[in-house]
Amino acid sequence: TCQGDSGGPLMRFEPTQKRWVLAGITSFGLGCADPRYSGVYTRVSAYRDWLRSVVSDGFIESLINLDSSATEKYYNTYIVFLSVVLFYFFSLWIQ
């Protein structure tokens, strides 16, 4: 991680489903991309139920099908949006 990365997505690819999955949200790290220290991320799976209550399944499913470049563009936009929403609500929660 580096300065300014907070709130950004940590993604992993699921080859069997041919889709990218949001695995975490960048929280903080020591230094900038220092190999001696790992970054710290929020585990998105811990918020799965809350996410499903906020974002409809149909919206999520329509964005994870990467068969077209248009869908991929919307999916990337969704990931940025979701990261911002999660960061915002997490910051409210820790106050």
N, C-alpha and C. Protein backbone atom coordinates (compact mmCIF):
# COMPACT_ATOMS: atom_id res chain seq x y z
N THR A 1 0.84 -1.19 0.00
CA THR A 1 0.00 0.00 0.00
C THR A 1 0.87 1.24 0.00
N CYS A 2 0.25 2.35 -0.30
CA CYS A 2 0.97 3.62 -0.34
C CYS A 2 0.00 4.73 0.06
N GLN A 3 0.52 5.92 0.28
CA GLN A 3 -0.33 7.05 0.63
C GLN A 3 -1.37 7.24 -0.48
N GLY A 4 -2.61 7.45 -0.08
CA GLY A 4 -3.68 7.65 -1.05
C GLY A 4 -4.39 6.38 -1.48
N ASP A 5 -3.89 5.22 -1.06
CA ASP A 5 -4.53 3.94 -1.44
C ASP A 5 -5.75 3.61 -0.59
N SER A 6 -5.88 4.23 0.58
CA SER A 6 -6.98 3.90 1.48
C SER A 6 -8.33 4.00 0.78
N GLY A 7 -9.15 2.98 1.00
CA GLY A 7 -10.47 2.95 0.36
C GLY A 7 -10.48 2.26 -0.98
N GLY A 8 -9.30 1.97 -1.52
CA GLY A 8 -9.21 1.30 -2.82
C GLY A 8 -9.48 -0.19 -2.70
N PRO A 9 -9.88 -0.82 -3.80
CA PRO A 9 -10.24 -2.24 -3.75
C PRO A 9 -9.03 -3.18 -3.79
N LEU A 10 -9.15 -4.30 -3.09
CA LEU A 10 -8.23 -5.43 -3.22
C LEU A 10 -9.03 -6.50 -3.94
N MET A 11 -8.65 -6.80 -5.18
CA MET A 11 -9.43 -7.70 -6.03
C MET A 11 -8.72 -9.04 -6.20
N ARG A 12 -9.52 -10.09 -6.42
CA ARG A 12 -8.96 -11.38 -6.80
C ARG A 12 -9.83 -11.94 -7.93
N PHE A 13 -9.20 -12.68 -8.83
CA PHE A 13 -9.92 -13.23 -9.98
C PHE A 13 -10.34 -14.66 -9.69
N GLU A 14 -11.60 -14.97 -9.96
CA GLU A 14 -12.12 -16.33 -9.84
C GLU A 14 -12.18 -16.93 -11.24
N PRO A 15 -11.18 -17.73 -11.62
CA PRO A 15 -11.12 -18.24 -13.00
C PRO A 15 -12.28 -19.16 -13.37
N THR A 16 -12.80 -19.91 -12.42
CA THR A 16 -13.91 -20.82 -12.75
C THR A 16 -15.18 -20.06 -13.09
N GLN A 17 -15.36 -18.90 -12.47
CA GLN A 17 -16.55 -18.09 -12.74
C GLN A 17 -16.27 -16.94 -13.70
N LYS A 18 -14.98 -16.79 -14.08
CA LYS A 18 -14.54 -15.74 -15.00
C LYS A 18 -15.00 -14.36 -14.53
N ARG A 19 -14.68 -14.06 -13.29
CA ARG A 19 -15.06 -12.75 -12.76
C ARG A 19 -14.07 -12.31 -11.68
N TRP A 20 -14.01 -11.00 -11.51
CA TRP A 20 -13.22 -10.40 -10.44
C TRP A 20 -14.11 -10.26 -9.21
N VAL A 21 -13.53 -10.47 -8.04
CA VAL A 21 -14.27 -10.39 -6.79
C VAL A 21 -13.57 -9.40 -5.87
N LEU A 22 -14.37 -8.56 -5.23
CA LEU A 22 -13.84 -7.63 -4.25
C LEU A 22 -13.53 -8.41 -2.98
N ALA A 23 -12.26 -8.53 -2.64
CA ALA A 23 -11.85 -9.32 -1.48
C ALA A 23 -11.58 -8.45 -0.26
N GLY A 24 -11.18 -7.22 -0.48
CA GLY A 24 -10.87 -6.34 0.64
C GLY A 24 -10.85 -4.89 0.21
N ILE A 25 -10.78 -4.02 1.20
CA ILE A 25 -10.66 -2.58 0.95
C ILE A 25 -9.43 -2.10 1.70
N THR A 26 -8.58 -1.39 0.99
CA THR A 26 -7.32 -0.92 1.57
C THR A 26 -7.58 -0.05 2.78
N SER A 27 -6.90 -0.36 3.88
CA SER A 27 -7.02 0.43 5.09
C SER A 27 -5.76 1.27 5.30
N PHE A 28 -4.62 0.61 5.52
CA PHE A 28 -3.37 1.35 5.72
C PHE A 28 -2.18 0.42 5.56
N GLY A 29 -0.99 1.00 5.59
CA GLY A 29 0.24 0.24 5.53
C GLY A 29 1.38 1.09 6.04
N LEU A 30 2.52 0.47 6.28
CA LEU A 30 3.70 1.20 6.72
C LEU A 30 4.58 1.49 5.52
N GLY A 31 5.02 2.72 5.40
CA GLY A 31 5.84 3.08 4.25
C GLY A 31 5.02 3.06 2.98
N CYS A 32 5.73 2.90 1.87
CA CYS A 32 5.05 2.88 0.57
C CYS A 32 5.56 1.68 -0.21
N ALA A 33 4.73 0.66 -0.32
CA ALA A 33 5.09 -0.57 -1.04
C ALA A 33 6.36 -1.20 -0.47
N ASP A 34 6.53 -1.12 0.82
CA ASP A 34 7.70 -1.69 1.49
C ASP A 34 7.48 -3.20 1.63
N PRO A 35 8.33 -4.02 1.01
CA PRO A 35 8.12 -5.47 1.05
C PRO A 35 8.25 -6.08 2.45
N ARG A 36 8.80 -5.33 3.38
CA ARG A 36 8.94 -5.85 4.75
C ARG A 36 7.63 -5.80 5.54
N TYR A 37 6.67 -5.01 5.06
CA TYR A 37 5.41 -4.84 5.77
C TYR A 37 4.24 -5.08 4.82
N SER A 38 3.30 -5.85 5.29
CA SER A 38 2.11 -6.07 4.45
C SER A 38 1.10 -4.96 4.70
N GLY A 39 0.27 -4.73 3.69
CA GLY A 39 -0.81 -3.77 3.84
C GLY A 39 -1.91 -4.35 4.72
N VAL A 40 -2.74 -3.48 5.25
CA VAL A 40 -3.87 -3.90 6.08
C VAL A 40 -5.15 -3.59 5.31
N TYR A 41 -6.03 -4.59 5.23
CA TYR A 41 -7.25 -4.48 4.44
C TYR A 41 -8.47 -4.84 5.28
N THR A 42 -9.60 -4.25 4.95
CA THR A 42 -10.88 -4.65 5.55
C THR A 42 -11.37 -5.89 4.83
N ARG A 43 -11.75 -6.91 5.56
CA ARG A 43 -12.27 -8.15 4.96
C ARG A 43 -13.72 -7.92 4.54
N VAL A 44 -13.94 -7.84 3.24
CA VAL A 44 -15.26 -7.55 2.70
C VAL A 44 -16.26 -8.65 3.04
N SER A 45 -15.82 -9.89 3.09
CA SER A 45 -16.74 -10.99 3.37
C SER A 45 -17.42 -10.83 4.73
N ALA A 46 -16.79 -10.13 5.65
CA ALA A 46 -17.39 -9.90 6.96
C ALA A 46 -18.62 -8.99 6.87
N TYR A 47 -18.74 -8.26 5.78
CA TYR A 47 -19.85 -7.33 5.58
C TYR A 47 -20.81 -7.80 4.50
N ARG A 48 -20.72 -9.08 4.10
CA ARG A 48 -21.53 -9.62 3.01
C ARG A 48 -23.03 -9.38 3.22
N ASP A 49 -23.55 -9.69 4.39
CA ASP A 49 -24.99 -9.52 4.63
C ASP A 49 -25.39 -8.06 4.52
N TRP A 50 -24.58 -7.18 5.08
CA TRP A 50 -24.89 -5.76 4.99
C TRP A 50 -24.84 -5.29 3.54
N LEU A 51 -23.83 -5.73 2.79
CA LEU A 51 -23.72 -5.34 1.38
C LEU A 51 -24.95 -5.79 0.60
N ARG A 52 -25.37 -7.00 0.83
CA ARG A 52 -26.55 -7.51 0.12
C ARG A 52 -27.81 -6.73 0.49
N SER A 53 -27.86 -6.19 1.71
CA SER A 53 -29.03 -5.40 2.10
C SER A 53 -29.01 -4.01 1.47
N VAL A 54 -27.83 -3.53 1.10
CA VAL A 54 -27.70 -2.20 0.52
C VAL A 54 -27.73 -2.23 -1.01
N VAL A 55 -27.10 -3.24 -1.60
CA VAL A 55 -27.00 -3.35 -3.06
C VAL A 55 -27.75 -4.60 -3.49
N SER A 56 -28.65 -4.46 -4.46
CA SER A 56 -29.46 -5.61 -4.89
C SER A 56 -28.60 -6.65 -5.60
N ASP A 57 -28.98 -7.92 -5.43
CA ASP A 57 -28.27 -9.01 -6.08
C ASP A 57 -28.29 -8.87 -7.59
N GLY A 58 -29.42 -8.43 -8.14
CA GLY A 58 -29.52 -8.27 -9.59
C GLY A 58 -28.51 -7.28 -10.12
N PHE A 59 -28.29 -6.20 -9.37
CA PHE A 59 -27.31 -5.20 -9.79
C PHE A 59 -25.91 -5.78 -9.76
N ILE A 60 -25.61 -6.52 -8.71
CA ILE A 60 -24.28 -7.14 -8.59
C ILE A 60 -24.08 -8.15 -9.71
N GLU A 61 -25.05 -9.04 -9.91
CA GLU A 61 -24.91 -10.09 -10.92
C GLU A 61 -24.79 -9.50 -12.32
N SER A 62 -25.47 -8.41 -12.60
CA SER A 62 -25.40 -7.82 -13.94
C SER A 62 -24.03 -7.21 -14.21
N LEU A 63 -23.30 -6.91 -13.16
CA LEU A 63 -22.00 -6.26 -13.34
C LEU A 63 -20.83 -7.23 -13.32
N ILE A 64 -21.02 -8.45 -12.87
CA ILE A 64 -19.88 -9.36 -12.78
C ILE A 64 -19.71 -10.23 -14.01
N ASN A 65 -20.60 -10.15 -14.96
CA ASN A 65 -20.46 -10.90 -16.20
C ASN A 65 -19.51 -10.12 -17.11
N LEU A 66 -18.30 -10.63 -17.30
CA LEU A 66 -17.27 -9.89 -18.03
C LEU A 66 -17.20 -10.27 -19.50
N ASP A 67 -18.32 -10.66 -20.10
CA ASP A 67 -18.31 -11.06 -21.50
C ASP A 67 -18.18 -9.89 -22.46
N SER A 68 -18.49 -8.70 -22.03
CA SER A 68 -18.40 -7.56 -22.94
C SER A 68 -17.60 -6.44 -22.29
N SER A 69 -17.00 -5.60 -23.13
CA SER A 69 -16.20 -4.50 -22.60
C SER A 69 -17.08 -3.47 -21.91
N ALA A 70 -18.33 -3.30 -22.38
CA ALA A 70 -19.24 -2.36 -21.74
C ALA A 70 -19.55 -2.81 -20.31
N THR A 71 -19.81 -4.09 -20.14
CA THR A 71 -20.09 -4.62 -18.81
C THR A 71 -18.87 -4.47 -17.91
N GLU A 72 -17.70 -4.71 -18.46
CA GLU A 72 -16.47 -4.57 -17.68
C GLU A 72 -16.30 -3.13 -17.20
N LYS A 73 -16.61 -2.18 -18.07
CA LYS A 73 -16.51 -0.76 -17.70
C LYS A 73 -17.45 -0.45 -16.54
N TYR A 74 -18.70 -0.92 -16.62
CA TYR A 74 -19.65 -0.68 -15.54
C TYR A 74 -19.24 -1.39 -14.27
N TYR A 75 -18.67 -2.58 -14.40
CA TYR A 75 -18.21 -3.32 -13.23
C TYR A 75 -17.11 -2.54 -12.51
N ASN A 76 -16.16 -2.01 -13.27
CA ASN A 76 -15.07 -1.24 -12.66
C ASN A 76 -15.62 -0.01 -11.95
N THR A 77 -16.62 0.63 -12.56
CA THR A 77 -17.26 1.78 -11.92
C THR A 77 -17.94 1.35 -10.63
N TYR A 78 -18.59 0.21 -10.66
CA TYR A 78 -19.27 -0.31 -9.47
C TYR A 78 -18.28 -0.56 -8.34
N ILE A 79 -17.13 -1.13 -8.66
CA ILE A 79 -16.13 -1.42 -7.63
C ILE A 79 -15.67 -0.13 -6.96
N VAL A 80 -15.41 0.90 -7.75
CA VAL A 80 -14.99 2.18 -7.18
C VAL A 80 -16.11 2.72 -6.29
N PHE A 81 -17.35 2.68 -6.79
CA PHE A 81 -18.49 3.16 -6.01
C PHE A 81 -18.63 2.39 -4.70
N LEU A 82 -18.57 1.07 -4.78
CA LEU A 82 -18.71 0.24 -3.59
C LEU A 82 -17.59 0.53 -2.59
N SER A 83 -16.38 0.73 -3.07
CA SER A 83 -15.26 1.04 -2.18
C SER A 83 -15.51 2.34 -1.43
N VAL A 84 -16.00 3.33 -2.14
CA VAL A 84 -16.28 4.63 -1.52
C VAL A 84 -17.39 4.48 -0.47
N VAL A 85 -18.45 3.76 -0.82
CA VAL A 85 -19.57 3.57 0.12
C VAL A 85 -19.09 2.84 1.38
N LEU A 86 -18.34 1.76 1.19
CA LEU A 86 -17.84 1.01 2.35
C LEU A 86 -16.91 1.85 3.21
N PHE A 87 -16.03 2.60 2.58
CA PHE A 87 -15.10 3.45 3.32
C PHE A 87 -15.88 4.48 4.14
N TYR A 88 -16.90 5.08 3.52
CA TYR A 88 -17.71 6.09 4.20
C TYR A 88 -18.41 5.49 5.42
N PHE A 89 -19.12 4.37 5.23
CA PHE A 89 -19.84 3.78 6.34
C PHE A 89 -18.90 3.23 7.41
N PHE A 90 -17.76 2.71 7.01
CA PHE A 90 -16.80 2.23 7.99
C PHE A 90 -16.26 3.39 8.83
N SER A 91 -16.01 4.54 8.18
CA SER A 91 -15.50 5.70 8.92
C SER A 91 -16.55 6.21 9.91
N LEU A 92 -17.83 6.13 9.55
CA LEU A 92 -18.89 6.51 10.49
C LEU A 92 -18.97 5.54 11.66
N TRP A 93 -18.78 4.26 11.35
CA TRP A 93 -18.90 3.21 12.36
C TRP A 93 -17.80 3.32 13.42
N ILE A 94 -16.58 3.69 13.02
CA ILE A 94 -15.46 3.71 13.98
C ILE A 94 -15.43 4.97 14.82
N GLN A 95 -16.26 5.95 14.50
CA GLN A 95 -16.26 7.19 15.28
C GLN A 95 -16.95 7.03 16.60
